[in-house]
Amino acid sequence: MWTDKQIKGKILHKLTRAGKFEHSHTAIEHTFKGFPPELKGKVKVLSTDLVKEGILYVKKTNYGMQVSINVEKKDAIMEYIDAFLRME
């Protein structure tokens, strides 16, 4: 079973691999991809939690909410990614 920390780690791992830092952003819906269907609701909630924690920047556009990684939160980001990578 996935913990909240592991789910947040997978979201951040995916965004870092895609290079979504600072000014490079992607639709928040893309953070839900790659998870089992039964986790989609939980992933959506945890993505908004990452925004509240300041780990993800939000850019509101006329075509939807876009997110990118806040590099100033490097320690928290690495903690989440480590939790995800340790589960595999």
N, C-alpha and C. Protein backbone atom coordinates (compact mmCIF):
# COMPACT_ATOMS: atom_id res chain seq x y z
N MET A 1 0.83 -1.18 0.00
CA MET A 1 0.00 0.00 0.00
C MET A 1 0.87 1.25 0.00
N TRP A 2 0.47 2.23 -0.75
CA TRP A 2 1.21 3.48 -0.88
C TRP A 2 0.95 4.39 0.31
N THR A 3 2.02 4.98 0.87
CA THR A 3 1.85 5.99 1.90
C THR A 3 1.75 7.36 1.22
N ASP A 4 1.29 8.35 1.96
CA ASP A 4 1.19 9.71 1.41
C ASP A 4 2.56 10.22 0.97
N LYS A 5 3.57 9.92 1.77
CA LYS A 5 4.92 10.37 1.47
C LYS A 5 5.44 9.74 0.17
N GLN A 6 5.12 8.48 -0.06
CA GLN A 6 5.56 7.79 -1.27
C GLN A 6 4.84 8.35 -2.51
N ILE A 7 3.57 8.66 -2.36
CA ILE A 7 2.81 9.23 -3.48
C ILE A 7 3.37 10.61 -3.83
N LYS A 8 3.62 11.44 -2.82
CA LYS A 8 4.21 12.75 -3.08
C LYS A 8 5.58 12.59 -3.72
N GLY A 9 6.33 11.59 -3.29
CA GLY A 9 7.64 11.31 -3.87
C GLY A 9 7.57 10.94 -5.33
N LYS A 10 6.58 10.13 -5.70
CA LYS A 10 6.44 9.75 -7.10
C LYS A 10 6.05 10.96 -7.95
N ILE A 11 5.17 11.81 -7.44
CA ILE A 11 4.79 13.02 -8.16
C ILE A 11 6.03 13.88 -8.42
N LEU A 12 6.81 14.12 -7.37
CA LEU A 12 8.00 14.96 -7.50
C LEU A 12 9.08 14.31 -8.35
N HIS A 13 9.22 12.99 -8.25
CA HIS A 13 10.19 12.26 -9.06
C HIS A 13 9.87 12.43 -10.54
N LYS A 14 8.60 12.29 -10.86
CA LYS A 14 8.16 12.42 -12.25
C LYS A 14 8.42 13.85 -12.77
N LEU A 15 8.10 14.86 -11.95
CA LEU A 15 8.30 16.24 -12.37
C LEU A 15 9.79 16.59 -12.50
N THR A 16 10.63 16.06 -11.61
CA THR A 16 12.07 16.34 -11.72
C THR A 16 12.67 15.67 -12.95
N ARG A 17 12.25 14.46 -13.24
CA ARG A 17 12.76 13.77 -14.43
C ARG A 17 12.36 14.50 -15.71
N ALA A 18 11.18 15.16 -15.67
CA ALA A 18 10.71 15.91 -16.84
C ALA A 18 11.30 17.32 -16.88
N GLY A 19 12.05 17.70 -15.84
CA GLY A 19 12.69 19.01 -15.82
C GLY A 19 11.75 20.17 -15.57
N LYS A 20 10.72 19.95 -14.77
CA LYS A 20 9.70 20.98 -14.51
C LYS A 20 10.08 21.83 -13.30
N PHE A 21 11.15 22.62 -13.46
CA PHE A 21 11.63 23.50 -12.41
C PHE A 21 11.32 24.94 -12.77
N GLU A 22 10.99 25.73 -11.74
CA GLU A 22 10.78 27.17 -11.87
C GLU A 22 9.87 27.55 -13.03
N HIS A 23 10.43 27.98 -14.18
CA HIS A 23 9.63 28.54 -15.26
C HIS A 23 9.11 27.48 -16.24
N SER A 24 9.59 26.27 -16.16
CA SER A 24 9.05 25.19 -16.98
C SER A 24 7.93 24.53 -16.19
N HIS A 25 6.72 24.56 -16.71
CA HIS A 25 5.60 24.04 -15.96
C HIS A 25 4.78 23.06 -16.78
N THR A 26 3.89 22.34 -16.11
CA THR A 26 3.02 21.36 -16.74
C THR A 26 1.66 21.40 -16.07
N ALA A 27 0.66 20.87 -16.73
CA ALA A 27 -0.69 20.84 -16.17
C ALA A 27 -0.71 19.94 -14.93
N ILE A 28 -1.45 20.37 -13.92
CA ILE A 28 -1.52 19.60 -12.68
C ILE A 28 -2.13 18.23 -12.93
N GLU A 29 -2.95 18.09 -13.95
CA GLU A 29 -3.56 16.80 -14.29
C GLU A 29 -2.50 15.77 -14.68
N HIS A 30 -1.36 16.22 -15.16
CA HIS A 30 -0.29 15.29 -15.55
C HIS A 30 0.34 14.62 -14.33
N THR A 31 0.16 15.21 -13.15
CA THR A 31 0.71 14.57 -11.95
C THR A 31 -0.07 13.32 -11.57
N PHE A 32 -1.29 13.18 -12.06
CA PHE A 32 -2.13 12.02 -11.72
C PHE A 32 -1.79 10.80 -12.57
N LYS A 33 -1.15 11.01 -13.70
CA LYS A 33 -0.86 9.90 -14.62
C LYS A 33 0.13 8.93 -14.01
N GLY A 34 -0.04 7.64 -14.34
CA GLY A 34 0.90 6.62 -13.88
C GLY A 34 0.53 5.98 -12.56
N PHE A 35 -0.56 6.44 -11.94
CA PHE A 35 -1.02 5.85 -10.69
C PHE A 35 -2.19 4.92 -10.97
N PRO A 36 -2.39 3.90 -10.12
CA PRO A 36 -3.55 3.03 -10.28
C PRO A 36 -4.84 3.85 -10.16
N PRO A 37 -5.89 3.45 -10.85
CA PRO A 37 -7.15 4.21 -10.84
C PRO A 37 -7.71 4.45 -9.43
N GLU A 38 -7.52 3.51 -8.53
CA GLU A 38 -8.09 3.67 -7.18
C GLU A 38 -7.36 4.74 -6.36
N LEU A 39 -6.20 5.19 -6.82
CA LEU A 39 -5.44 6.22 -6.09
C LEU A 39 -5.60 7.62 -6.67
N LYS A 40 -6.31 7.76 -7.79
CA LYS A 40 -6.39 9.06 -8.48
C LYS A 40 -6.92 10.17 -7.57
N GLY A 41 -7.96 9.90 -6.78
CA GLY A 41 -8.51 10.92 -5.89
C GLY A 41 -7.51 11.34 -4.83
N LYS A 42 -6.82 10.37 -4.27
CA LYS A 42 -5.83 10.66 -3.24
C LYS A 42 -4.65 11.44 -3.82
N VAL A 43 -4.25 11.11 -5.04
CA VAL A 43 -3.14 11.81 -5.69
C VAL A 43 -3.52 13.27 -5.93
N LYS A 44 -4.77 13.51 -6.31
CA LYS A 44 -5.23 14.87 -6.54
C LYS A 44 -5.13 15.69 -5.25
N VAL A 45 -5.56 15.12 -4.14
CA VAL A 45 -5.49 15.80 -2.84
C VAL A 45 -4.04 16.06 -2.45
N LEU A 46 -3.18 15.06 -2.63
CA LEU A 46 -1.77 15.22 -2.24
C LEU A 46 -1.02 16.20 -3.15
N SER A 47 -1.45 16.33 -4.41
CA SER A 47 -0.86 17.33 -5.29
C SER A 47 -1.17 18.73 -4.77
N THR A 48 -2.40 18.94 -4.33
CA THR A 48 -2.75 20.25 -3.77
C THR A 48 -2.04 20.47 -2.44
N ASP A 49 -1.77 19.40 -1.68
CA ASP A 49 -0.99 19.52 -0.45
C ASP A 49 0.43 20.01 -0.75
N LEU A 50 1.02 19.50 -1.83
CA LEU A 50 2.37 19.95 -2.22
C LEU A 50 2.37 21.44 -2.57
N VAL A 51 1.28 21.91 -3.15
CA VAL A 51 1.15 23.34 -3.44
C VAL A 51 1.08 24.13 -2.13
N LYS A 52 0.27 23.63 -1.17
CA LYS A 52 0.13 24.30 0.12
C LYS A 52 1.44 24.32 0.89
N GLU A 53 2.25 23.28 0.74
CA GLU A 53 3.56 23.20 1.41
C GLU A 53 4.58 24.11 0.75
N GLY A 54 4.27 24.64 -0.42
CA GLY A 54 5.20 25.52 -1.13
C GLY A 54 6.21 24.77 -1.97
N ILE A 55 6.04 23.47 -2.10
CA ILE A 55 6.98 22.67 -2.89
C ILE A 55 6.68 22.83 -4.38
N LEU A 56 5.42 22.98 -4.72
CA LEU A 56 5.03 23.22 -6.11
C LEU A 56 4.55 24.66 -6.26
N TYR A 57 5.03 25.32 -7.31
CA TYR A 57 4.52 26.64 -7.68
C TYR A 57 3.27 26.44 -8.52
N VAL A 58 2.36 27.38 -8.44
CA VAL A 58 1.16 27.34 -9.26
C VAL A 58 1.16 28.52 -10.21
N LYS A 59 0.86 28.25 -11.46
CA LYS A 59 0.68 29.30 -12.45
C LYS A 59 -0.72 29.09 -13.03
N LYS A 60 -1.61 30.02 -12.73
CA LYS A 60 -2.97 29.91 -13.25
C LYS A 60 -3.01 30.52 -14.65
N THR A 61 -3.51 29.74 -15.58
CA THR A 61 -3.62 30.18 -16.97
C THR A 61 -5.06 30.05 -17.41
N ASN A 62 -5.36 30.58 -18.58
CA ASN A 62 -6.73 30.46 -19.09
C ASN A 62 -7.03 29.04 -19.56
N TYR A 63 -6.03 28.18 -19.66
CA TYR A 63 -6.24 26.80 -20.07
C TYR A 63 -6.02 25.81 -18.92
N GLY A 64 -6.00 26.30 -17.67
CA GLY A 64 -5.92 25.42 -16.52
C GLY A 64 -4.75 25.74 -15.60
N MET A 65 -4.72 25.07 -14.47
CA MET A 65 -3.66 25.30 -13.49
C MET A 65 -2.40 24.53 -13.90
N GLN A 66 -1.28 25.23 -13.89
CA GLN A 66 0.01 24.66 -14.24
C GLN A 66 0.89 24.66 -12.99
N VAL A 67 1.76 23.65 -12.86
CA VAL A 67 2.64 23.56 -11.69
C VAL A 67 4.09 23.36 -12.12
N SER A 68 5.00 23.81 -11.25
CA SER A 68 6.42 23.55 -11.41
C SER A 68 7.03 23.41 -10.02
N ILE A 69 8.25 22.91 -9.95
CA ILE A 69 8.90 22.63 -8.68
C ILE A 69 9.63 23.86 -8.15
N ASN A 70 9.48 24.12 -6.87
CA ASN A 70 10.18 25.19 -6.18
C ASN A 70 11.53 24.64 -5.72
N VAL A 71 12.61 25.04 -6.38
CA VAL A 71 13.93 24.49 -6.06
C VAL A 71 14.44 24.92 -4.69
N GLU A 72 13.85 25.94 -4.11
CA GLU A 72 14.27 26.37 -2.78
C GLU A 72 13.89 25.36 -1.69
N LYS A 73 12.99 24.43 -2.00
CA LYS A 73 12.56 23.40 -1.06
C LYS A 73 13.25 22.07 -1.34
N LYS A 74 14.51 22.15 -1.74
CA LYS A 74 15.27 20.96 -2.17
C LYS A 74 15.28 19.84 -1.13
N ASP A 75 15.46 20.19 0.15
CA ASP A 75 15.55 19.15 1.18
C ASP A 75 14.25 18.37 1.31
N ALA A 76 13.13 19.07 1.32
CA ALA A 76 11.83 18.40 1.42
C ALA A 76 11.56 17.56 0.18
N ILE A 77 11.93 18.08 -0.98
CA ILE A 77 11.73 17.35 -2.24
C ILE A 77 12.52 16.04 -2.21
N MET A 78 13.78 16.12 -1.81
CA MET A 78 14.62 14.92 -1.77
C MET A 78 14.11 13.91 -0.74
N GLU A 79 13.57 14.39 0.36
CA GLU A 79 13.01 13.49 1.38
C GLU A 79 11.84 12.69 0.80
N TYR A 80 10.96 13.37 0.07
CA TYR A 80 9.81 12.68 -0.54
C TYR A 80 10.27 11.71 -1.63
N ILE A 81 11.20 12.14 -2.47
CA ILE A 81 11.67 11.28 -3.55
C ILE A 81 12.38 10.05 -2.98
N ASP A 82 13.17 10.23 -1.93
CA ASP A 82 13.84 9.08 -1.28
C ASP A 82 12.83 8.08 -0.75
N ALA A 83 11.74 8.57 -0.16
CA ALA A 83 10.69 7.66 0.34
C ALA A 83 10.09 6.86 -0.80
N PHE A 84 9.89 7.49 -1.96
CA PHE A 84 9.34 6.78 -3.11
C PHE A 84 10.34 5.76 -3.65
N LEU A 85 11.59 6.14 -3.80
CA LEU A 85 12.59 5.24 -4.38
C LEU A 85 12.90 4.06 -3.47
N ARG A 86 12.78 4.22 -2.17
CA ARG A 86 13.04 3.12 -1.24
C ARG A 86 11.96 2.06 -1.29
N MET A 87 10.77 2.38 -1.78
CA MET A 87 9.68 1.41 -1.80
C MET A 87 9.83 0.42 -2.95
N GLU A 88 10.59 0.78 -3.98
CA GLU A 88 10.70 -0.09 -5.15
C GLU A 88 11.67 -1.23 -4.93
